[in-house]
Amino acid sequence: MIDLSLMKKDGILIVAPTGALTDDDMEELRGTLSGMVADGEEVKGLMIDANAFPGYADFQAFFSHMGIIRDFHGKIAKLALVSDAAFASAGEFFAKAFMGVDARHFPATGRDEALAWLRS
């Protein structure tokens, strides 16, 4: 499950996983990102705010997530990973190396700092 919070004025989407990610979660995320891009808005920033990576409910959710990465490659200016979990450092590396997105990892207590960075 995920909670999505759109900061429309800033062009920032905050994604907070609350449980194992499902295909429905990925479709909700896809729809929100698609809406932002279709409205001609820049996706200035995407924040993933997660204490831990909750995993996927099934393979379909994983493949849907990979599809989102493929489809929105180059359409997101910055990615902030807010977490103390080990996956965040790996996520920062992956985003920079394979997606070419400006990515930064912030500690779980650095949510405000991450938001300021996304806005800059």
PDB file of N, CA and C in Angstrom:
ATOM      1  N   MET A   1       0.833  -1.169   0.000  1.00  0.00           N
ATOM      2  CA  MET A   1       0.000   0.000   0.000  1.00  0.00           C
ATOM      3  C   MET A   1       0.882   1.238   0.000  1.00  0.00           C
ATOM      4  N   ILE A   2       0.377   2.295  -0.614  1.00  0.00           N
ATOM      5  CA  ILE A   2       1.103   3.556  -0.638  1.00  0.00           C
ATOM      6  C   ILE A   2       0.167   4.721  -0.370  1.00  0.00           C
ATOM      7  N   ASP A   3       0.739   5.759   0.199  1.00  0.00           N
ATOM      8  CA  ASP A   3       0.046   7.032   0.325  1.00  0.00           C
ATOM      9  C   ASP A   3       0.731   7.982  -0.637  1.00  0.00           C
ATOM     10  N   LEU A   4      -0.067   8.688  -1.437  1.00  0.00           N
ATOM     11  CA  LEU A   4       0.459   9.671  -2.374  1.00  0.00           C
ATOM     12  C   LEU A   4       0.011  11.050  -1.933  1.00  0.00           C
ATOM     13  N   SER A   5       0.939  11.992  -1.976  1.00  0.00           N
ATOM     14  CA  SER A   5       0.629  13.377  -1.632  1.00  0.00           C
ATOM     15  C   SER A   5       1.215  14.259  -2.726  1.00  0.00           C
ATOM     16  N   LEU A   6       0.339  14.907  -3.477  1.00  0.00           N
ATOM     17  CA  LEU A   6       0.762  15.753  -4.585  1.00  0.00           C
ATOM     18  C   LEU A   6       0.836  17.202  -4.138  1.00  0.00           C
ATOM     19  N   MET A   7       1.995  17.781  -4.303  1.00  0.00           N
ATOM     20  CA  MET A   7       2.200  19.196  -4.032  1.00  0.00           C
ATOM     21  C   MET A   7       2.197  19.884  -5.397  1.00  0.00           C
ATOM     22  N   LYS A   8       0.994  20.062  -5.924  1.00  0.00           N
ATOM     23  CA  LYS A   8       0.808  20.513  -7.303  1.00  0.00           C
ATOM     24  C   LYS A   8       1.556  21.811  -7.604  1.00  0.00           C
ATOM     25  N   LYS A   9       1.468  22.776  -6.708  1.00  0.00           N
ATOM     26  CA  LYS A   9       2.117  24.076  -6.915  1.00  0.00           C
ATOM     27  C   LYS A   9       3.626  23.923  -7.120  1.00  0.00           C
ATOM     28  N   ASP A  10       4.229  22.982  -6.398  1.00  0.00           N
ATOM     29  CA  ASP A  10       5.671  22.770  -6.468  1.00  0.00           C
ATOM     30  C   ASP A  10       6.075  21.721  -7.495  1.00  0.00           C
ATOM     31  N   GLY A  11       5.105  20.982  -8.031  1.00  0.00           N
ATOM     32  CA  GLY A  11       5.433  19.914  -8.977  1.00  0.00           C
ATOM     33  C   GLY A  11       6.129  18.742  -8.309  1.00  0.00           C
ATOM     34  N   ILE A  12       5.771  18.499  -7.039  1.00  0.00           N
ATOM     35  CA  ILE A  12       6.417  17.443  -6.255  1.00  0.00           C
ATOM     36  C   ILE A  12       5.388  16.400  -5.840  1.00  0.00           C
ATOM     37  N   LEU A  13       5.754  15.134  -5.997  1.00  0.00           N
ATOM     38  CA  LEU A  13       4.913  14.028  -5.558  1.00  0.00           C
ATOM     39  C   LEU A  13       5.645  13.293  -4.445  1.00  0.00           C
ATOM     40  N   ILE A  14       4.953  13.093  -3.321  1.00  0.00           N
ATOM     41  CA  ILE A  14       5.515  12.340  -2.191  1.00  0.00           C
ATOM     42  C   ILE A  14       4.842  10.978  -2.148  1.00  0.00           C
ATOM     43  N   VAL A  15       5.666   9.938  -2.147  1.00  0.00           N
ATOM     44  CA  VAL A  15       5.191   8.559  -2.112  1.00  0.00           C
ATOM     45  C   VAL A  15       5.659   7.944  -0.796  1.00  0.00           C
ATOM     46  N   ALA A  16       4.700   7.459  -0.015  1.00  0.00           N
ATOM     47  CA  ALA A  16       5.032   6.847   1.273  1.00  0.00           C
ATOM     48  C   ALA A  16       4.449   5.436   1.321  1.00  0.00           C
ATOM     49  N   PRO A  17       5.284   4.410   1.122  1.00  0.00           N
ATOM     50  CA  PRO A  17       4.804   3.031   1.221  1.00  0.00           C
ATOM     51  C   PRO A  17       4.377   2.718   2.651  1.00  0.00           C
ATOM     52  N   THR A  18       3.235   2.050   2.792  1.00  0.00           N
ATOM     53  CA  THR A  18       2.737   1.687   4.125  1.00  0.00           C
ATOM     54  C   THR A  18       2.580   0.180   4.285  1.00  0.00           C
ATOM     55  N   GLY A  19       2.876  -0.550   3.239  1.00  0.00           N
ATOM     56  CA  GLY A  19       2.766  -2.001   3.261  1.00  0.00           C
ATOM     57  C   GLY A  19       3.257  -2.539   1.930  1.00  0.00           C
ATOM     58  N   ALA A  20       3.182  -3.839   1.762  1.00  0.00           N
ATOM     59  CA  ALA A  20       3.631  -4.460   0.513  1.00  0.00           C
ATOM     60  C   ALA A  20       2.969  -3.775  -0.684  1.00  0.00           C
ATOM     61  N   LEU A  21       3.780  -3.445  -1.684  1.00  0.00           N
ATOM     62  CA  LEU A  21       3.289  -2.738  -2.865  1.00  0.00           C
ATOM     63  C   LEU A  21       2.505  -3.683  -3.770  1.00  0.00           C
ATOM     64  N   THR A  22       1.343  -3.216  -4.201  1.00  0.00           N
ATOM     65  CA  THR A  22       0.472  -4.016  -5.062  1.00  0.00           C
ATOM     66  C   THR A  22       0.418  -3.425  -6.468  1.00  0.00           C
ATOM     67  N   ASP A  23      -0.135  -4.185  -7.385  1.00  0.00           N
ATOM     68  CA  ASP A  23      -0.331  -3.698  -8.745  1.00  0.00           C
ATOM     69  C   ASP A  23      -1.261  -2.476  -8.729  1.00  0.00           C
ATOM     70  N   ASP A  24      -2.271  -2.494  -7.885  1.00  0.00           N
ATOM     71  CA  ASP A  24      -3.175  -1.333  -7.764  1.00  0.00           C
ATOM     72  C   ASP A  24      -2.414  -0.091  -7.295  1.00  0.00           C
ATOM     73  N   ASP A  25      -1.471  -0.262  -6.368  1.00  0.00           N
ATOM     74  CA  ASP A  25      -0.641   0.864  -5.920  1.00  0.00           C
ATOM     75  C   ASP A  25       0.148   1.435  -7.092  1.00  0.00           C
ATOM     76  N   MET A  26       0.722   0.547  -7.876  1.00  0.00           N
ATOM     77  CA  MET A  26       1.530   0.998  -9.013  1.00  0.00           C
ATOM     78  C   MET A  26       0.664   1.706 -10.055  1.00  0.00           C
ATOM     79  N   GLU A  27      -0.559   1.229 -10.251  1.00  0.00           N
ATOM     80  CA  GLU A  27      -1.461   1.893 -11.199  1.00  0.00           C
ATOM     81  C   GLU A  27      -1.882   3.270 -10.688  1.00  0.00           C
ATOM     82  N   GLU A  28      -2.070   3.398  -9.376  1.00  0.00           N
ATOM     83  CA  GLU A  28      -2.387   4.700  -8.796  1.00  0.00           C
ATOM     84  C   GLU A  28      -1.214   5.661  -8.983  1.00  0.00           C
ATOM     85  N   LEU A  29      -0.007   5.177  -8.740  1.00  0.00           N
ATOM     86  CA  LEU A  29       1.190   5.990  -8.933  1.00  0.00           C
ATOM     87  C   LEU A  29       1.337   6.380 -10.406  1.00  0.00           C
ATOM     88  N   ARG A  30       1.155   5.420 -11.297  1.00  0.00           N
ATOM     89  CA  ARG A  30       1.235   5.689 -12.734  1.00  0.00           C
ATOM     90  C   ARG A  30       0.219   6.757 -13.143  1.00  0.00           C
ATOM     91  N   GLY A  31      -0.997   6.642 -12.644  1.00  0.00           N
ATOM     92  CA  GLY A  31      -2.039   7.597 -12.984  1.00  0.00           C
ATOM     93  C   GLY A  31      -1.710   9.004 -12.513  1.00  0.00           C
ATOM     94  N   THR A  32      -1.176   9.110 -11.320  1.00  0.00           N
ATOM     95  CA  THR A  32      -0.807  10.424 -10.785  1.00  0.00           C
ATOM     96  C   THR A  32       0.326  11.034 -11.601  1.00  0.00           C
ATOM     97  N   LEU A  33       1.358  10.259 -11.877  1.00  0.00           N
ATOM     98  CA  LEU A  33       2.469  10.768 -12.685  1.00  0.00           C
ATOM     99  C   LEU A  33       2.013  11.118 -14.097  1.00  0.00           C
ATOM    100  N   SER A  34       1.176  10.261 -14.690  1.00  0.00           N
ATOM    101  CA  SER A  34       0.656  10.527 -16.039  1.00  0.00           C
ATOM    102  C   SER A  34      -0.136  11.820 -16.071  1.00  0.00           C
ATOM    103  N   GLY A  35      -0.943  12.056 -15.042  1.00  0.00           N
ATOM    104  CA  GLY A  35      -1.732  13.275 -14.956  1.00  0.00           C
ATOM    105  C   GLY A  35      -0.852  14.506 -14.887  1.00  0.00           C
ATOM    106  N   MET A  36       0.237  14.405 -14.123  1.00  0.00           N
ATOM    107  CA  MET A  36       1.152  15.538 -14.010  1.00  0.00           C
ATOM    108  C   MET A  36       1.790  15.843 -15.362  1.00  0.00           C
ATOM    109  N   VAL A  37       2.248  14.818 -16.054  1.00  0.00           N
ATOM    110  CA  VAL A  37       2.915  14.997 -17.338  1.00  0.00           C
ATOM    111  C   VAL A  37       1.916  15.458 -18.401  1.00  0.00           C
ATOM    112  N   ALA A  38       0.709  14.896 -18.401  1.00  0.00           N
ATOM    113  CA  ALA A  38      -0.309  15.250 -19.392  1.00  0.00           C
ATOM    114  C   ALA A  38      -0.751  16.698 -19.245  1.00  0.00           C
ATOM    115  N   ASP A  39      -0.750  17.208 -18.026  1.00  0.00           N
ATOM    116  CA  ASP A  39      -1.128  18.600 -17.783  1.00  0.00           C
ATOM    117  C   ASP A  39      -0.015  19.562 -18.166  1.00  0.00           C
ATOM    118  N   GLY A  40       1.078  19.027 -18.710  1.00  0.00           N
ATOM    119  CA  GLY A  40       2.196  19.858 -19.109  1.00  0.00           C
ATOM    120  C   GLY A  40       3.072  20.292 -17.949  1.00  0.00           C
ATOM    121  N   GLU A  41       2.812  19.717 -16.802  1.00  0.00           N
ATOM    122  CA  GLU A  41       3.607  20.058 -15.625  1.00  0.00           C
ATOM    123  C   GLU A  41       4.915  19.273 -15.639  1.00  0.00           C
ATOM    124  N   GLU A  42       5.927  19.906 -15.134  1.00  0.00           N
ATOM    125  CA  GLU A  42       7.173  19.197 -14.925  1.00  0.00           C
ATOM    126  C   GLU A  42       7.042  18.439 -13.608  1.00  0.00           C
ATOM    127  N   VAL A  43       7.501  17.207 -13.596  1.00  0.00           N
ATOM    128  CA  VAL A  43       7.592  16.491 -12.332  1.00  0.00           C
ATOM    129  C   VAL A  43       8.941  16.919 -11.761  1.00  0.00           C
ATOM    130  N   LYS A  44       8.883  18.018 -11.015  1.00  0.00           N
ATOM    131  CA  LYS A  44      10.108  18.626 -10.487  1.00  0.00           C
ATOM    132  C   LYS A  44      10.778  17.705  -9.483  1.00  0.00           C
ATOM    133  N   GLY A  45       9.973  17.019  -8.702  1.00  0.00           N
ATOM    134  CA  GLY A  45      10.560  16.154  -7.699  1.00  0.00           C
ATOM    135  C   GLY A  45       9.656  15.019  -7.278  1.00  0.00           C
ATOM    136  N   LEU A  46      10.282  13.906  -6.985  1.00  0.00           N
ATOM    137  CA  LEU A  46       9.599  12.739  -6.443  1.00  0.00           C
ATOM    138  C   LEU A  46      10.316  12.379  -5.158  1.00  0.00           C
ATOM    139  N   MET A  47       9.554  12.336  -4.060  1.00  0.00           N
ATOM    140  CA  MET A  47      10.127  11.932  -2.779  1.00  0.00           C
ATOM    141  C   MET A  47       9.561  10.571  -2.413  1.00  0.00           C
ATOM    142  N   ILE A  48      10.458   9.654  -2.099  1.00  0.00           N
ATOM    143  CA  ILE A  48      10.047   8.362  -1.566  1.00  0.00           C
ATOM    144  C   ILE A  48      10.401   8.403  -0.088  1.00  0.00           C
ATOM    145  N   ASP A  49       9.371   8.397   0.734  1.00  0.00           N
ATOM    146  CA  ASP A  49       9.510   8.535   2.184  1.00  0.00           C
ATOM    147  C   ASP A  49       9.172   7.189   2.816  1.00  0.00           C
ATOM    148  N   ALA A  50      10.220   6.418   3.133  1.00  0.00           N
ATOM    149  CA  ALA A  50       9.990   5.048   3.604  1.00  0.00           C
ATOM    150  C   ALA A  50      10.992   4.663   4.676  1.00  0.00           C
ATOM    151  N   ASN A  51      10.498   4.234   5.806  1.00  0.00           N
ATOM    152  CA  ASN A  51      11.398   3.746   6.847  1.00  0.00           C
ATOM    153  C   ASN A  51      12.074   2.449   6.435  1.00  0.00           C
ATOM    154  N   ALA A  52      11.356   1.655   5.668  1.00  0.00           N
ATOM    155  CA  ALA A  52      11.888   0.385   5.177  1.00  0.00           C
ATOM    156  C   ALA A  52      11.194   0.067   3.866  1.00  0.00           C
ATOM    157  N   PHE A  53      11.839  -0.730   3.032  1.00  0.00           N
ATOM    158  CA  PHE A  53      11.196  -1.140   1.797  1.00  0.00           C
ATOM    159  C   PHE A  53      10.244  -2.281   2.132  1.00  0.00           C
ATOM    160  N   PRO A  54       8.944  -2.087   1.873  1.00  0.00           N
ATOM    161  CA  PRO A  54       7.965  -3.094   2.284  1.00  0.00           C
ATOM    162  C   PRO A  54       7.868  -4.298   1.353  1.00  0.00           C
ATOM    163  N   GLY A  55       8.537  -4.266   0.226  1.00  0.00           N
ATOM    164  CA  GLY A  55       8.482  -5.372  -0.725  1.00  0.00           C
ATOM    165  C   GLY A  55       7.247  -5.284  -1.606  1.00  0.00           C
ATOM    166  N   TYR A  56       7.093  -6.297  -2.439  1.00  0.00           N
ATOM    167  CA  TYR A  56       5.985  -6.362  -3.387  1.00  0.00           C
ATOM    168  C   TYR A  56       5.025  -7.475  -2.991  1.00  0.00           C
ATOM    169  N   ALA A  57       3.750  -7.234  -3.222  1.00  0.00           N
ATOM    170  CA  ALA A  57       2.739  -8.249  -2.914  1.00  0.00           C
ATOM    171  C   ALA A  57       2.883  -9.458  -3.831  1.00  0.00           C
ATOM    172  N   ASP A  58       3.327  -9.208  -5.082  1.00  0.00           N
ATOM    173  CA  ASP A  58       3.492 -10.286  -6.062  1.00  0.00           C
ATOM    174  C   ASP A  58       4.367  -9.793  -7.212  1.00  0.00           C
ATOM    175  N   PHE A  59       4.644 -10.693  -8.163  1.00  0.00           N
ATOM    176  CA  PHE A  59       5.490 -10.327  -9.299  1.00  0.00           C
ATOM    177  C   PHE A  59       4.847  -9.270 -10.178  1.00  0.00           C
ATOM    178  N   GLN A  60       3.539  -9.274 -10.285  1.00  0.00           N
ATOM    179  CA  GLN A  60       2.864  -8.273 -11.120  1.00  0.00           C
ATOM    180  C   GLN A  60       3.141  -6.860 -10.609  1.00  0.00           C
ATOM    181  N   ALA A  61       3.145  -6.679  -9.308  1.00  0.00           N
ATOM    182  CA  ALA A  61       3.447  -5.369  -8.733  1.00  0.00           C
ATOM    183  C   ALA A  61       4.879  -4.963  -9.073  1.00  0.00           C
ATOM    184  N   PHE A  62       5.803  -5.904  -8.986  1.00  0.00           N
ATOM    185  CA  PHE A  62       7.197  -5.620  -9.341  1.00  0.00           C
ATOM    186  C   PHE A  62       7.307  -5.205 -10.807  1.00  0.00           C
ATOM    187  N   PHE A  63       6.674  -5.956 -11.704  1.00  0.00           N
ATOM    188  CA  PHE A  63       6.750  -5.635 -13.132  1.00  0.00           C
ATOM    189  C   PHE A  63       6.070  -4.300 -13.441  1.00  0.00           C
ATOM    190  N   SER A  64       4.998  -3.983 -12.738  1.00  0.00           N
ATOM    191  CA  SER A  64       4.342  -2.687 -12.917  1.00  0.00           C
ATOM    192  C   SER A  64       5.275  -1.560 -12.484  1.00  0.00           C
ATOM    193  N   HIS A  65       5.999  -1.778 -11.396  1.00  0.00           N
ATOM    194  CA  HIS A  65       6.950  -0.781 -10.917  1.00  0.00           C
ATOM    195  C   HIS A  65       8.060  -0.560 -11.948  1.00  0.00           C
ATOM    196  N   MET A  66       8.567  -1.638 -12.518  1.00  0.00           N
ATOM    197  CA  MET A  66       9.606  -1.523 -13.546  1.00  0.00           C
ATOM    198  C   MET A  66       9.069  -0.772 -14.772  1.00  0.00           C
ATOM    199  N   GLY A  67       7.798  -0.983 -15.093  1.00  0.00           N
ATOM    200  CA  GLY A  67       7.173  -0.270 -16.208  1.00  0.00           C
ATOM    201  C   GLY A  67       7.083   1.227 -15.948  1.00  0.00           C
ATOM    202  N   ILE A  68       6.803   1.598 -14.720  1.00  0.00           N
ATOM    203  CA  ILE A  68       6.749   3.021 -14.355  1.00  0.00           C
ATOM    204  C   ILE A  68       8.137   3.639 -14.509  1.00  0.00           C
ATOM    205  N   ILE A  69       9.150   2.939 -14.049  1.00  0.00           N
ATOM    206  CA  ILE A  69      10.519   3.445 -14.189  1.00  0.00           C
ATOM    207  C   ILE A  69      10.841   3.638 -15.671  1.00  0.00           C
ATOM    208  N   ARG A  70      10.490   2.671 -16.502  1.00  0.00           N
ATOM    209  CA  ARG A  70      10.743   2.769 -17.940  1.00  0.00           C
ATOM    210  C   ARG A  70       9.972   3.935 -18.551  1.00  0.00           C
ATOM    211  N   ASP A  71       8.702   4.052 -18.238  1.00  0.00           N
ATOM    212  CA  ASP A  71       7.841   5.053 -18.877  1.00  0.00           C
ATOM    213  C   ASP A  71       8.118   6.483 -18.436  1.00  0.00           C
ATOM    214  N   PHE A  72       8.604   6.654 -17.224  1.00  0.00           N
ATOM    215  CA  PHE A  72       8.825   8.005 -16.717  1.00  0.00           C
ATOM    216  C   PHE A  72      10.304   8.374 -16.639  1.00  0.00           C
ATOM    217  N   HIS A  73      11.125   7.537 -17.225  1.00  0.00           N
ATOM    218  CA  HIS A  73      12.558   7.822 -17.327  1.00  0.00           C
ATOM    219  C   HIS A  73      12.732   9.152 -18.058  1.00  0.00           C
ATOM    220  N   GLY A  74      13.456  10.072 -17.473  1.00  0.00           N
ATOM    221  CA  GLY A  74      13.692  11.366 -18.101  1.00  0.00           C
ATOM    222  C   GLY A  74      12.593  12.391 -17.889  1.00  0.00           C
ATOM    223  N   LYS A  75      11.533  12.026 -17.174  1.00  0.00           N
ATOM    224  CA  LYS A  75      10.422  12.960 -16.947  1.00  0.00           C
ATOM    225  C   LYS A  75      10.353  13.446 -15.504  1.00  0.00           C
ATOM    226  N   ILE A  76      11.268  12.980 -14.689  1.00  0.00           N
ATOM    227  CA  ILE A  76      11.329  13.389 -13.284  1.00  0.00           C
ATOM    228  C   ILE A  76      12.690  14.045 -13.066  1.00  0.00           C
ATOM    229  N   ALA A  77      12.677  15.298 -12.631  1.00  0.00           N
ATOM    230  CA  ALA A  77      13.920  16.061 -12.496  1.00  0.00           C
ATOM    231  C   ALA A  77      14.777  15.600 -11.321  1.00  0.00           C
ATOM    232  N   LYS A  78      14.144  15.382 -10.157  1.00  0.00           N
ATOM    233  CA  LYS A  78      14.892  15.015  -8.953  1.00  0.00           C
ATOM    234  C   LYS A  78      14.163  13.920  -8.195  1.00  0.00           C
ATOM    235  N   LEU A  79      14.953  13.071  -7.549  1.00  0.00           N
ATOM    236  CA  LEU A  79      14.425  12.006  -6.711  1.00  0.00           C
ATOM    237  C   LEU A  79      15.082  12.084  -5.343  1.00  0.00           C
ATOM    238  N   ALA A  80      14.274  12.234  -4.304  1.00  0.00           N
ATOM    239  CA  ALA A  80      14.767  12.240  -2.924  1.00  0.00           C
ATOM    240  C   ALA A  80      14.300  10.958  -2.245  1.00  0.00           C
ATOM    241  N   LEU A  81      15.237  10.216  -1.700  1.00  0.00           N
ATOM    242  CA  LEU A  81      14.946   8.990  -0.966  1.00  0.00           C
ATOM    243  C   LEU A  81      15.151   9.294   0.515  1.00  0.00           C
ATOM    244  N   VAL A  82      14.073   9.302   1.274  1.00  0.00           N
ATOM    245  CA  VAL A  82      14.118   9.653   2.694  1.00  0.00           C
ATOM    246  C   VAL A  82      13.928   8.379   3.503  1.00  0.00           C
ATOM    247  N   SER A  83      15.041   7.883   4.051  1.00  0.00           N
ATOM    248  CA  SER A  83      14.977   6.610   4.754  1.00  0.00           C
ATOM    249  C   SER A  83      16.310   6.319   5.438  1.00  0.00           C
ATOM    250  N   ASP A  84      16.244   5.549   6.508  1.00  0.00           N
ATOM    251  CA  ASP A  84      17.456   5.038   7.140  1.00  0.00           C
ATOM    252  C   ASP A  84      17.756   3.619   6.666  1.00  0.00           C
ATOM    253  N   ALA A  85      16.902   3.081   5.812  1.00  0.00           N
ATOM    254  CA  ALA A  85      17.071   1.716   5.323  1.00  0.00           C
ATOM    255  C   ALA A  85      18.199   1.642   4.293  1.00  0.00           C
ATOM    256  N   ALA A  86      18.838   0.501   4.212  1.00  0.00           N
ATOM    257  CA  ALA A  86      19.964   0.294   3.293  1.00  0.00           C
ATOM    258  C   ALA A  86      19.560   0.455   1.832  1.00  0.00           C
ATOM    259  N   PHE A  87      18.294   0.152   1.502  1.00  0.00           N
ATOM    260  CA  PHE A  87      17.868   0.236   0.103  1.00  0.00           C
ATOM    261  C   PHE A  87      18.010   1.644  -0.455  1.00  0.00           C
ATOM    262  N   ALA A  88      17.964   2.665   0.389  1.00  0.00           N
ATOM    263  CA  ALA A  88      17.969   4.046  -0.086  1.00  0.00           C
ATOM    264  C   ALA A  88      19.292   4.413  -0.758  1.00  0.00           C
ATOM    265  N   SER A  89      20.404   3.972  -0.211  1.00  0.00           N
ATOM    266  CA  SER A  89      21.692   4.247  -0.843  1.00  0.00           C
ATOM    267  C   SER A  89      21.787   3.536  -2.180  1.00  0.00           C
ATOM    268  N   ALA A  90      21.319   2.309  -2.228  1.00  0.00           N
ATOM    269  CA  ALA A  90      21.315   1.567  -3.494  1.00  0.00           C
ATOM    270  C   ALA A  90      20.368   2.225  -4.491  1.00  0.00           C
ATOM    271  N   GLY A  91      19.230   2.705  -4.008  1.00  0.00           N
ATOM    272  CA  GLY A  91      18.270   3.391  -4.874  1.00  0.00           C
ATOM    273  C   GLY A  91      18.853   4.664  -5.459  1.00  0.00           C
ATOM    274  N   GLU A  92      19.612   5.399  -4.653  1.00  0.00           N
ATOM    275  CA  GLU A  92      20.264   6.619  -5.138  1.00  0.00           C
ATOM    276  C   GLU A  92      21.242   6.268  -6.262  1.00  0.00           C
ATOM    277  N   PHE A  93      22.053   5.247  -6.046  1.00  0.00           N
ATOM    278  CA  PHE A  93      23.014   4.816  -7.067  1.00  0.00           C
ATOM    279  C   PHE A  93      22.294   4.399  -8.347  1.00  0.00           C
ATOM    280  N   PHE A  94      21.263   3.572  -8.215  1.00  0.00           N
ATOM    281  CA  PHE A  94      20.506   3.080  -9.377  1.00  0.00           C
ATOM    282  C   PHE A  94      19.892   4.241 -10.153  1.00  0.00           C
ATOM    283  N   ALA A  95      19.285   5.171  -9.441  1.00  0.00           N
ATOM    284  CA  ALA A  95      18.625   6.313 -10.098  1.00  0.00           C
ATOM    285  C   ALA A  95      19.625   7.161 -10.867  1.00  0.00           C
ATOM    286  N   LYS A  96      20.787   7.390 -10.283  1.00  0.00           N
ATOM    287  CA  LYS A  96      21.807   8.199 -10.948  1.00  0.00           C
ATOM    288  C   LYS A  96      22.421   7.456 -12.134  1.00  0.00           C
ATOM    289  N   ALA A  97      22.801   6.215 -11.907  1.00  0.00           N
ATOM    290  CA  ALA A  97      23.540   5.459 -12.910  1.00  0.00           C
ATOM    291  C   ALA A  97      22.684   4.998 -14.084  1.00  0.00           C
ATOM    292  N   PHE A  98      21.471   4.552 -13.811  1.00  0.00           N
ATOM    293  CA  PHE A  98      20.680   3.931 -14.866  1.00  0.00           C
ATOM    294  C   PHE A  98      19.529   4.787 -15.374  1.00  0.00           C
ATOM    295  N   MET A  99      19.087   5.715 -14.563  1.00  0.00           N
ATOM    296  CA  MET A  99      17.967   6.557 -14.983  1.00  0.00           C
ATOM    297  C   MET A  99      18.409   7.976 -15.310  1.00  0.00           C
ATOM    298  N   GLY A 100      19.607   8.353 -14.916  1.00  0.00           N
ATOM    299  CA  GLY A 100      20.111   9.686 -15.182  1.00  0.00           C
ATOM    300  C   GLY A 100      19.371  10.783 -14.445  1.00  0.00           C
ATOM    301  N   VAL A 101      18.739  10.438 -13.337  1.00  0.00           N
ATOM    302  CA  VAL A 101      18.004  11.432 -12.550  1.00  0.00           C
ATOM    303  C   VAL A 101      18.903  11.951 -11.429  1.00  0.00           C
ATOM    304  N   ASP A 102      18.733  13.201 -11.095  1.00  0.00           N
ATOM    305  CA  ASP A 102      19.450  13.796  -9.975  1.00  0.00           C
ATOM    306  C   ASP A 102      18.820  13.233  -8.703  1.00  0.00           C
ATOM    307  N   ALA A 103      19.540  12.375  -8.010  1.00  0.00           N
ATOM    308  CA  ALA A 103      18.984  11.685  -6.844  1.00  0.00           C
ATOM    309  C   ALA A 103      19.855  11.925  -5.622  1.00  0.00           C
ATOM    310  N   ARG A 104      19.177  11.990  -4.472  1.00  0.00           N
ATOM    311  CA  ARG A 104      19.878  12.124  -3.194  1.00  0.00           C
ATOM    312  C   ARG A 104      19.178  11.305  -2.130  1.00  0.00           C
ATOM    313  N   HIS A 105      19.993  10.759  -1.253  1.00  0.00           N
ATOM    314  CA  HIS A 105      19.499   9.995  -0.105  1.00  0.00           C
ATOM    315  C   HIS A 105      19.584  10.890   1.126  1.00  0.00           C
ATOM    316  N   PHE A 106      18.484  10.949   1.871  1.00  0.00           N
ATOM    317  CA  PHE A 106      18.409  11.733   3.109  1.00  0.00           C
ATOM    318  C   PHE A 106      18.040  10.789   4.248  1.00  0.00           C
ATOM    319  N   PRO A 107      18.517  11.052   5.456  1.00  0.00           N
ATOM    320  CA  PRO A 107      18.109  10.213   6.590  1.00  0.00           C
ATOM    321  C   PRO A 107      16.617  10.405   6.872  1.00  0.00           C
ATOM    322  N   ALA A 108      16.042   9.482   7.596  1.00  0.00           N
ATOM    323  CA  ALA A 108      14.605   9.537   7.904  1.00  0.00           C
ATOM    324  C   ALA A 108      14.218  10.846   8.586  1.00  0.00           C
ATOM    325  N   THR A 109      15.129  11.444   9.303  1.00  0.00           N
ATOM    326  CA  THR A 109      14.843  12.718   9.978  1.00  0.00           C
ATOM    327  C   THR A 109      15.035  13.924   9.046  1.00  0.00           C
ATOM    328  N   GLY A 110      15.429  13.681   7.796  1.00  0.00           N
ATOM    329  CA  GLY A 110      15.744  14.763   6.873  1.00  0.00           C
ATOM    330  C   GLY A 110      14.660  15.083   5.867  1.00  0.00           C
ATOM    331  N   ARG A 111      13.406  14.817   6.218  1.00  0.00           N
ATOM    332  CA  ARG A 111      12.301  15.055   5.277  1.00  0.00           C
ATOM    333  C   ARG A 111      12.215  16.528   4.852  1.00  0.00           C
ATOM    334  N   ASP A 112      12.344  17.449   5.800  1.00  0.00           N
ATOM    335  CA  ASP A 112      12.274  18.873   5.464  1.00  0.00           C
ATOM    336  C   ASP A 112      13.434  19.293   4.559  1.00  0.00           C
ATOM    337  N   GLU A 113      14.612  18.767   4.843  1.00  0.00           N
ATOM    338  CA  GLU A 113      15.782  19.055   4.020  1.00  0.00           C
ATOM    339  C   GLU A 113      15.576  18.499   2.599  1.00  0.00           C
ATOM    340  N   ALA A 114      15.007  17.320   2.508  1.00  0.00           N
ATOM    341  CA  ALA A 114      14.747  16.712   1.207  1.00  0.00           C
ATOM    342  C   ALA A 114      13.746  17.559   0.407  1.00  0.00           C
ATOM    343  N   LEU A 115      12.712  18.029   1.076  1.00  0.00           N
ATOM    344  CA  LEU A 115      11.725  18.866   0.399  1.00  0.00           C
ATOM    345  C   LEU A 115      12.339  20.172  -0.092  1.00  0.00           C
ATOM    346  N   ALA A 116      13.186  20.778   0.727  1.00  0.00           N
ATOM    347  CA  ALA A 116      13.864  22.013   0.316  1.00  0.00           C
ATOM    348  C   ALA A 116      14.745  21.759  -0.894  1.00  0.00           C
ATOM    349  N   TRP A 117      15.425  20.627  -0.912  1.00  0.00           N
ATOM    350  CA  TRP A 117      16.282  20.268  -2.051  1.00  0.00           C
ATOM    351  C   TRP A 117      15.439  20.055  -3.307  1.00  0.00           C
ATOM    352  N   LEU A 118      14.297  19.376  -3.180  1.00  0.00           N
ATOM    353  CA  LEU A 118      13.430  19.152  -4.341  1.00  0.00           C
ATOM    354  C   LEU A 118      12.906  20.475  -4.892  1.00  0.00           C
ATOM    355  N   ARG A 119      12.641  21.422  -4.026  1.00  0.00           N
ATOM    356  CA  ARG A 119      12.121  22.723  -4.445  1.00  0.00           C
ATOM    357  C   ARG A 119      13.184  23.596  -5.097  1.00  0.00           C
ATOM    358  N   SER A 120      14.453  23.343  -4.816  1.00  0.00           N
ATOM    359  CA  SER A 120      15.544  24.199  -5.328  1.00  0.00           C
ATOM    360  C   SER A 120      15.792  24.002  -6.815  1.00  0.00           C
TER     361      SER A 120
END
